Structures are given as C-alpha cells and as structure tokens.
Amino acid sequence: MHEKIRTAYRPMACDLCGQIIHPGERYRAVRDEYSPVEYHEHIQCPGAPAVVVGEPPPKPPKIRTAFNHHAFCMA
C-alpha cells in the first residue's frame, strides 16, 4: 500500500472514524497497489487518544571523500 499526506480541498469522510475531513485539513491517502481504491484517513482521528505525530528530521548530506579527495587538499 502507498501512503501520501495530502491537504483536503473539499469535505470528505474519514474511512476510519466516519467523521468529516474539512477543507484545508491534512489527511493520509492510502492507495492499494492492486486495485484503484483509495482510502482517506485523518492523520489523527478526533476521537482518538492524543499521540504526538511528527515528521522525521532530515538526514544530513554525506560527504564522499573516496572520489573527491582533492577537494580537501590544502596544497
């Protein structure tokens, strides 16, 4: 299954809790890869217990020194 975080541009029902996802609210779109069905879910349903949901921090870039060792040469 493929998941994407999207922003709603029209009201739609959550497939987990049945409540409305309002326009401008972020939701999770889950798509089955073997059928054209797409499910719409709140990031956190309003009746669910409080849980902190955050995006992972970005990974720092890797410096490859094997091929560009001359970039660090101070000659």
PDB file of N, CA and C in Angstrom:
ATOM      1  N   MET A   1       0.840  -1.179   0.000  1.00  0.00           N
ATOM      2  CA  MET A   1       0.000   0.000   0.000  1.00  0.00           C
ATOM      3  C   MET A   1       0.884   1.241   0.000  1.00  0.00           C
ATOM      4  N   HIS A   2       0.435   2.253  -0.675  1.00  0.00           N
ATOM      5  CA  HIS A   2       1.165   3.502  -0.762  1.00  0.00           C
ATOM      6  C   HIS A   2       0.436   4.548   0.069  1.00  0.00           C
ATOM      7  N   GLU A   3       1.180   5.323   0.830  1.00  0.00           N
ATOM      8  CA  GLU A   3       0.597   6.367   1.666  1.00  0.00           C
ATOM      9  C   GLU A   3       1.156   7.719   1.254  1.00  0.00           C
ATOM     10  N   LYS A   4       0.281   8.716   1.226  1.00  0.00           N
ATOM     11  CA  LYS A   4       0.694  10.094   0.976  1.00  0.00           C
ATOM     12  C   LYS A   4      -0.049  10.993   1.946  1.00  0.00           C
ATOM     13  N   ILE A   5       0.615  12.046   2.376  1.00  0.00           N
ATOM     14  CA  ILE A   5      -0.030  13.055   3.206  1.00  0.00           C
ATOM     15  C   ILE A   5      -0.473  14.162   2.259  1.00  0.00           C
ATOM     16  N   ARG A   6      -1.769  14.447   2.259  1.00  0.00           N
ATOM     17  CA  ARG A   6      -2.329  15.464   1.370  1.00  0.00           C
ATOM     18  C   ARG A   6      -3.140  16.461   2.165  1.00  0.00           C
ATOM     19  N   THR A   7      -3.501  17.561   1.515  1.00  0.00           N
ATOM     20  CA  THR A   7      -4.381  18.569   2.099  1.00  0.00           C
ATOM     21  C   THR A   7      -5.713  18.500   1.382  1.00  0.00           C
ATOM     22  N   ALA A   8      -6.793  18.404   2.153  1.00  0.00           N
ATOM     23  CA  ALA A   8      -8.128  18.273   1.569  1.00  0.00           C
ATOM     24  C   ALA A   8      -8.555  19.597   0.945  1.00  0.00           C
ATOM     25  N   TYR A   9      -9.134  19.543  -0.233  1.00  0.00           N
ATOM     26  CA  TYR A   9      -9.665  20.741  -0.877  1.00  0.00           C
ATOM     27  C   TYR A   9     -11.186  20.719  -0.913  1.00  0.00           C
ATOM     28  N   ARG A  10     -11.790  19.631  -0.426  1.00  0.00           N
ATOM     29  CA  ARG A  10     -13.245  19.530  -0.312  1.00  0.00           C
ATOM     30  C   ARG A  10     -13.550  18.644   0.898  1.00  0.00           C
ATOM     31  N   PRO A  11     -14.744  18.739   1.468  1.00  0.00           N
ATOM     32  CA  PRO A  11     -15.080  17.870   2.598  1.00  0.00           C
ATOM     33  C   PRO A  11     -15.199  16.412   2.149  1.00  0.00           C
ATOM     34  N   MET A  12     -14.675  15.507   2.957  1.00  0.00           N
ATOM     35  CA  MET A  12     -14.772  14.081   2.673  1.00  0.00           C
ATOM     36  C   MET A  12     -14.830  13.320   3.984  1.00  0.00           C
ATOM     37  N   ALA A  13     -15.349  12.117   3.941  1.00  0.00           N
ATOM     38  CA  ALA A  13     -15.491  11.303   5.145  1.00  0.00           C
ATOM     39  C   ALA A  13     -14.218  10.501   5.396  1.00  0.00           C
ATOM     40  N   CYS A  14     -13.847  10.399   6.663  1.00  0.00           N
ATOM     41  CA  CYS A  14     -12.713   9.570   7.060  1.00  0.00           C
ATOM     42  C   CYS A  14     -13.167   8.108   7.022  1.00  0.00           C
ATOM     43  N   ASP A  15     -12.356   7.244   6.430  1.00  0.00           N
ATOM     44  CA  ASP A  15     -12.715   5.837   6.323  1.00  0.00           C
ATOM     45  C   ASP A  15     -12.468   5.065   7.616  1.00  0.00           C
ATOM     46  N   LEU A  16     -11.787   5.670   8.596  1.00  0.00           N
ATOM     47  CA  LEU A  16     -11.577   5.002   9.875  1.00  0.00           C
ATOM     48  C   LEU A  16     -12.663   5.338  10.887  1.00  0.00           C
ATOM     49  N   CYS A  17     -12.912   6.635  11.089  1.00  0.00           N
ATOM     50  CA  CYS A  17     -13.855   7.038  12.138  1.00  0.00           C
ATOM     51  C   CYS A  17     -15.196   7.513  11.581  1.00  0.00           C
ATOM     52  N   GLY A  18     -15.281   7.840  10.293  1.00  0.00           N
ATOM     53  CA  GLY A  18     -16.536   8.268   9.699  1.00  0.00           C
ATOM     54  C   GLY A  18     -16.817   9.754   9.821  1.00  0.00           C
ATOM     55  N   GLN A  19     -15.972  10.504  10.532  1.00  0.00           N
ATOM     56  CA  GLN A  19     -16.172  11.947  10.661  1.00  0.00           C
ATOM     57  C   GLN A  19     -15.651  12.659   9.422  1.00  0.00           C
ATOM     58  N   ILE A  20     -15.981  13.955   9.312  1.00  0.00           N
ATOM     59  CA  ILE A  20     -15.636  14.742   8.133  1.00  0.00           C
ATOM     60  C   ILE A  20     -14.195  15.236   8.209  1.00  0.00           C
ATOM     61  N   ILE A  21     -13.490  15.114   7.106  1.00  0.00           N
ATOM     62  CA  ILE A  21     -12.186  15.762   6.936  1.00  0.00           C
ATOM     63  C   ILE A  21     -12.486  17.090   6.251  1.00  0.00           C
ATOM     64  N   HIS A  22     -12.220  18.190   6.934  1.00  0.00           N
ATOM     65  CA  HIS A  22     -12.589  19.517   6.444  1.00  0.00           C
ATOM     66  C   HIS A  22     -11.581  20.036   5.428  1.00  0.00           C
ATOM     67  N   PRO A  23     -12.009  20.938   4.525  1.00  0.00           N
ATOM     68  CA  PRO A  23     -11.072  21.537   3.558  1.00  0.00           C
ATOM     69  C   PRO A  23      -9.935  22.267   4.280  1.00  0.00           C
ATOM     70  N   GLY A  24      -8.726  22.081   3.802  1.00  0.00           N
ATOM     71  CA  GLY A  24      -7.546  22.681   4.410  1.00  0.00           C
ATOM     72  C   GLY A  24      -6.902  21.787   5.454  1.00  0.00           C
ATOM     73  N   GLU A  25      -7.559  20.720   5.852  1.00  0.00           N
ATOM     74  CA  GLU A  25      -7.019  19.804   6.851  1.00  0.00           C
ATOM     75  C   GLU A  25      -6.152  18.752   6.157  1.00  0.00           C
ATOM     76  N   ARG A  26      -5.045  18.393   6.790  1.00  0.00           N
ATOM     77  CA  ARG A  26      -4.160  17.382   6.219  1.00  0.00           C
ATOM     78  C   ARG A  26      -4.706  15.997   6.557  1.00  0.00           C
ATOM     79  N   TYR A  27      -4.600  15.077   5.598  1.00  0.00           N
ATOM     80  CA  TYR A  27      -5.087  13.719   5.797  1.00  0.00           C
ATOM     81  C   TYR A  27      -4.150  12.744   5.101  1.00  0.00           C
ATOM     82  N   ARG A  28      -4.304  11.480   5.445  1.00  0.00           N
ATOM     83  CA  ARG A  28      -3.480  10.427   4.861  1.00  0.00           C
ATOM     84  C   ARG A  28      -4.287   9.750   3.756  1.00  0.00           C
ATOM     85  N   ALA A  29      -3.740   9.667   2.575  1.00  0.00           N
ATOM     86  CA  ALA A  29      -4.362   8.966   1.458  1.00  0.00           C
ATOM     87  C   ALA A  29      -3.628   7.646   1.286  1.00  0.00           C
ATOM     88  N   VAL A  30      -4.335   6.543   1.486  1.00  0.00           N
ATOM     89  CA  VAL A  30      -3.752   5.205   1.387  1.00  0.00           C
ATOM     90  C   VAL A  30      -4.321   4.551   0.141  1.00  0.00           C
ATOM     91  N   ARG A  31      -3.440   4.134  -0.739  1.00  0.00           N
ATOM     92  CA  ARG A  31      -3.875   3.542  -2.007  1.00  0.00           C
ATOM     93  C   ARG A  31      -3.385   2.102  -2.084  1.00  0.00           C
ATOM     94  N   ASP A  32      -4.308   1.200  -2.413  1.00  0.00           N
ATOM     95  CA  ASP A  32      -3.963  -0.199  -2.610  1.00  0.00           C
ATOM     96  C   ASP A  32      -3.298  -0.323  -3.978  1.00  0.00           C
ATOM     97  N   GLU A  33      -2.152  -0.987  -4.019  1.00  0.00           N
ATOM     98  CA  GLU A  33      -1.405  -1.059  -5.278  1.00  0.00           C
ATOM     99  C   GLU A  33      -2.003  -2.045  -6.273  1.00  0.00           C
ATOM    100  N   TYR A  34      -2.924  -2.897  -5.842  1.00  0.00           N
ATOM    101  CA  TYR A  34      -3.506  -3.881  -6.741  1.00  0.00           C
ATOM    102  C   TYR A  34      -4.924  -3.534  -7.181  1.00  0.00           C
ATOM    103  N   SER A  35      -5.486  -2.464  -6.674  1.00  0.00           N
ATOM    104  CA  SER A  35      -6.827  -2.046  -7.085  1.00  0.00           C
ATOM    105  C   SER A  35      -6.878  -0.519  -7.092  1.00  0.00           C
ATOM    106  N   PRO A  36      -7.839   0.069  -7.778  1.00  0.00           N
ATOM    107  CA  PRO A  36      -7.905   1.539  -7.852  1.00  0.00           C
ATOM    108  C   PRO A  36      -8.540   2.197  -6.620  1.00  0.00           C
ATOM    109  N   VAL A  37      -8.680   1.477  -5.510  1.00  0.00           N
ATOM    110  CA  VAL A  37      -9.320   2.004  -4.309  1.00  0.00           C
ATOM    111  C   VAL A  37      -8.343   2.884  -3.533  1.00  0.00           C
ATOM    112  N   GLU A  38      -8.811   4.045  -3.090  1.00  0.00           N
ATOM    113  CA  GLU A  38      -8.006   4.938  -2.260  1.00  0.00           C
ATOM    114  C   GLU A  38      -8.795   5.258  -1.002  1.00  0.00           C
ATOM    115  N   TYR A  39      -8.165   5.102   0.154  1.00  0.00           N
ATOM    116  CA  TYR A  39      -8.803   5.360   1.437  1.00  0.00           C
ATOM    117  C   TYR A  39      -8.314   6.693   1.978  1.00  0.00           C
ATOM    118  N   HIS A  40      -9.215   7.434   2.629  1.00  0.00           N
ATOM    119  CA  HIS A  40      -8.898   8.739   3.208  1.00  0.00           C
ATOM    120  C   HIS A  40      -9.003   8.622   4.720  1.00  0.00           C
ATOM    121  N   GLU A  41      -7.922   8.977   5.423  1.00  0.00           N
ATOM    122  CA  GLU A  41      -7.883   8.853   6.872  1.00  0.00           C
ATOM    123  C   GLU A  41      -7.355  10.146   7.478  1.00  0.00           C
ATOM    124  N   HIS A  42      -7.886  10.514   8.654  1.00  0.00           N
ATOM    125  CA  HIS A  42      -7.296  11.616   9.408  1.00  0.00           C
ATOM    126  C   HIS A  42      -5.859  11.245   9.772  1.00  0.00           C
ATOM    127  N   ILE A  43      -5.019  12.235   9.941  1.00  0.00           N
ATOM    128  CA  ILE A  43      -3.688  11.980  10.491  1.00  0.00           C
ATOM    129  C   ILE A  43      -3.862  11.446  11.907  1.00  0.00           C
ATOM    130  N   GLN A  44      -4.767  12.080  12.655  1.00  0.00           N
ATOM    131  CA  GLN A  44      -5.174  11.584  13.964  1.00  0.00           C
ATOM    132  C   GLN A  44      -6.667  11.836  14.077  1.00  0.00           C
ATOM    133  N   CYS A  45      -7.446  10.795  14.188  1.00  0.00           N
ATOM    134  CA  CYS A  45      -8.902  10.937  14.270  1.00  0.00           C
ATOM    135  C   CYS A  45      -9.269  11.742  15.519  1.00  0.00           C
ATOM    136  N   PRO A  46     -10.305  12.598  15.447  1.00  0.00           N
ATOM    137  CA  PRO A  46     -10.667  13.456  16.573  1.00  0.00           C
ATOM    138  C   PRO A  46     -11.009  12.694  17.854  1.00  0.00           C
ATOM    139  N   GLY A  47     -11.536  11.498  17.764  1.00  0.00           N
ATOM    140  CA  GLY A  47     -11.885  10.741  18.958  1.00  0.00           C
ATOM    141  C   GLY A  47     -10.762   9.887  19.498  1.00  0.00           C
ATOM    142  N   ALA A  48      -9.634   9.861  18.828  1.00  0.00           N
ATOM    143  CA  ALA A  48      -8.509   9.013  19.237  1.00  0.00           C
ATOM    144  C   ALA A  48      -7.734   9.668  20.376  1.00  0.00           C
ATOM    145  N   PRO A  49      -7.041   8.872  21.192  1.00  0.00           N
ATOM    146  CA  PRO A  49      -6.208   9.451  22.249  1.00  0.00           C
ATOM    147  C   PRO A  49      -5.052  10.258  21.667  1.00  0.00           C
ATOM    148  N   ALA A  50      -4.582  11.224  22.430  1.00  0.00           N
ATOM    149  CA  ALA A  50      -3.531  12.132  21.956  1.00  0.00           C
ATOM    150  C   ALA A  50      -2.209  11.396  21.764  1.00  0.00           C
ATOM    151  N   VAL A  51      -1.643  11.549  20.577  1.00  0.00           N
ATOM    152  CA  VAL A  51      -0.353  10.957  20.228  1.00  0.00           C
ATOM    153  C   VAL A  51       0.405  12.008  19.439  1.00  0.00           C
ATOM    154  N   VAL A  52       1.682  12.161  19.735  1.00  0.00           N
ATOM    155  CA  VAL A  52       2.500  13.128  19.008  1.00  0.00           C
ATOM    156  C   VAL A  52       2.883  12.508  17.676  1.00  0.00           C
ATOM    157  N   VAL A  53       2.530  13.191  16.582  1.00  0.00           N
ATOM    158  CA  VAL A  53       2.879  12.735  15.243  1.00  0.00           C
ATOM    159  C   VAL A  53       3.729  13.814  14.603  1.00  0.00           C
ATOM    160  N   GLY A  54       4.936  13.457  14.255  1.00  0.00           N
ATOM    161  CA  GLY A  54       5.827  14.438  13.650  1.00  0.00           C
ATOM    162  C   GLY A  54       6.596  13.831  12.503  1.00  0.00           C
ATOM    163  N   GLU A  55       7.130  14.684  11.705  1.00  0.00           N
ATOM    164  CA  GLU A  55       7.922  14.226  10.577  1.00  0.00           C
ATOM    165  C   GLU A  55       9.344  13.964  11.077  1.00  0.00           C
ATOM    166  N   PRO A  56      10.021  12.957  10.545  1.00  0.00           N
ATOM    167  CA  PRO A  56      11.388  12.694  10.978  1.00  0.00           C
ATOM    168  C   PRO A  56      12.314  13.831  10.552  1.00  0.00           C
ATOM    169  N   PRO A  57      13.364  14.083  11.326  1.00  0.00           N
ATOM    170  CA  PRO A  57      14.288  15.154  10.945  1.00  0.00           C
ATOM    171  C   PRO A  57      15.013  14.790   9.649  1.00  0.00           C
ATOM    172  N   PRO A  58      15.398  15.785   8.853  1.00  0.00           N
ATOM    173  CA  PRO A  58      16.101  15.489   7.598  1.00  0.00           C
ATOM    174  C   PRO A  58      17.487  14.907   7.868  1.00  0.00           C
ATOM    175  N   LYS A  59      17.935  14.040   6.969  1.00  0.00           N
ATOM    176  CA  LYS A  59      19.254  13.443   7.114  1.00  0.00           C
ATOM    177  C   LYS A  59      20.311  14.413   6.590  1.00  0.00           C
ATOM    178  N   PRO A  60      21.438  14.540   7.287  1.00  0.00           N
ATOM    179  CA  PRO A  60      22.492  15.423   6.785  1.00  0.00           C
ATOM    180  C   PRO A  60      23.130  14.826   5.530  1.00  0.00           C
ATOM    181  N   PRO A  61      23.643  15.673   4.651  1.00  0.00           N
ATOM    182  CA  PRO A  61      24.261  15.158   3.429  1.00  0.00           C
ATOM    183  C   PRO A  61      25.555  14.401   3.739  1.00  0.00           C
ATOM    184  N   LYS A  62      25.831  13.390   2.943  1.00  0.00           N
ATOM    185  CA  LYS A  62      27.054  12.610   3.123  1.00  0.00           C
ATOM    186  C   LYS A  62      28.151  13.206   2.247  1.00  0.00           C
ATOM    187  N   ILE A  63      29.326  13.349   2.821  1.00  0.00           N
ATOM    188  CA  ILE A  63      30.476  13.851   2.064  1.00  0.00           C
ATOM    189  C   ILE A  63      31.288  12.643   1.630  1.00  0.00           C
ATOM    190  N   ARG A  64      31.360  12.438   0.326  1.00  0.00           N
ATOM    191  CA  ARG A  64      32.120  11.315  -0.210  1.00  0.00           C
ATOM    192  C   ARG A  64      33.547  11.775  -0.460  1.00  0.00           C
ATOM    193  N   THR A  65      34.479  11.166   0.247  1.00  0.00           N
ATOM    194  CA  THR A  65      35.877  11.566   0.094  1.00  0.00           C
ATOM    195  C   THR A  65      36.672  10.599  -0.767  1.00  0.00           C
ATOM    196  N   ALA A  66      36.097   9.472  -1.164  1.00  0.00           N
ATOM    197  CA  ALA A  66      36.844   8.486  -1.942  1.00  0.00           C
ATOM    198  C   ALA A  66      37.155   9.006  -3.346  1.00  0.00           C
ATOM    199  N   PHE A  67      36.215   9.744  -3.944  1.00  0.00           N
ATOM    200  CA  PHE A  67      36.412  10.188  -5.322  1.00  0.00           C
ATOM    201  C   PHE A  67      36.794  11.659  -5.425  1.00  0.00           C
ATOM    202  N   ASN A  68      36.540  12.433  -4.406  1.00  0.00           N
ATOM    203  CA  ASN A  68      36.891  13.853  -4.486  1.00  0.00           C
ATOM    204  C   ASN A  68      37.797  14.252  -3.325  1.00  0.00           C
ATOM    205  N   HIS A  69      38.846  13.468  -3.108  1.00  0.00           N
ATOM    206  CA  HIS A  69      39.788  13.774  -2.034  1.00  0.00           C
ATOM    207  C   HIS A  69      40.567  15.065  -2.309  1.00  0.00           C
ATOM    208  N   HIS A  70      40.673  15.445  -3.575  1.00  0.00           N
ATOM    209  CA  HIS A  70      41.401  16.662  -3.899  1.00  0.00           C
ATOM    210  C   HIS A  70      40.632  17.915  -3.445  1.00  0.00           C
ATOM    211  N   ALA A  71      39.365  17.796  -3.141  1.00  0.00           N
ATOM    212  CA  ALA A  71      38.595  18.951  -2.683  1.00  0.00           C
ATOM    213  C   ALA A  71      39.026  19.389  -1.304  1.00  0.00           C
ATOM    214  N   PHE A  72      39.604  18.482  -0.529  1.00  0.00           N
ATOM    215  CA  PHE A  72      40.022  18.810   0.818  1.00  0.00           C
ATOM    216  C   PHE A  72      41.529  19.012   0.943  1.00  0.00           C
ATOM    217  N   CYS A  73      42.239  18.982  -0.168  1.00  0.00           N
ATOM    218  CA  CYS A  73      43.678  19.161  -0.180  1.00  0.00           C
ATOM    219  C   CYS A  73      44.005  20.658  -0.009  1.00  0.00           C
ATOM    220  N   MET A  74      44.926  20.976   0.881  1.00  0.00           N
ATOM    221  CA  MET A  74      45.274  22.372   1.142  1.00  0.00           C
ATOM    222  C   MET A  74      46.620  22.728   0.503  1.00  0.00           C
ATOM    223  N   ALA A  75      47.034  22.086  -0.566  1.00  0.00           N
ATOM    224  CA  ALA A  75      48.344  22.319  -1.165  1.00  0.00           C
ATOM    225  C   ALA A  75      48.417  23.620  -1.899  1.00  0.00           C
TER     226      ALA A  75
END
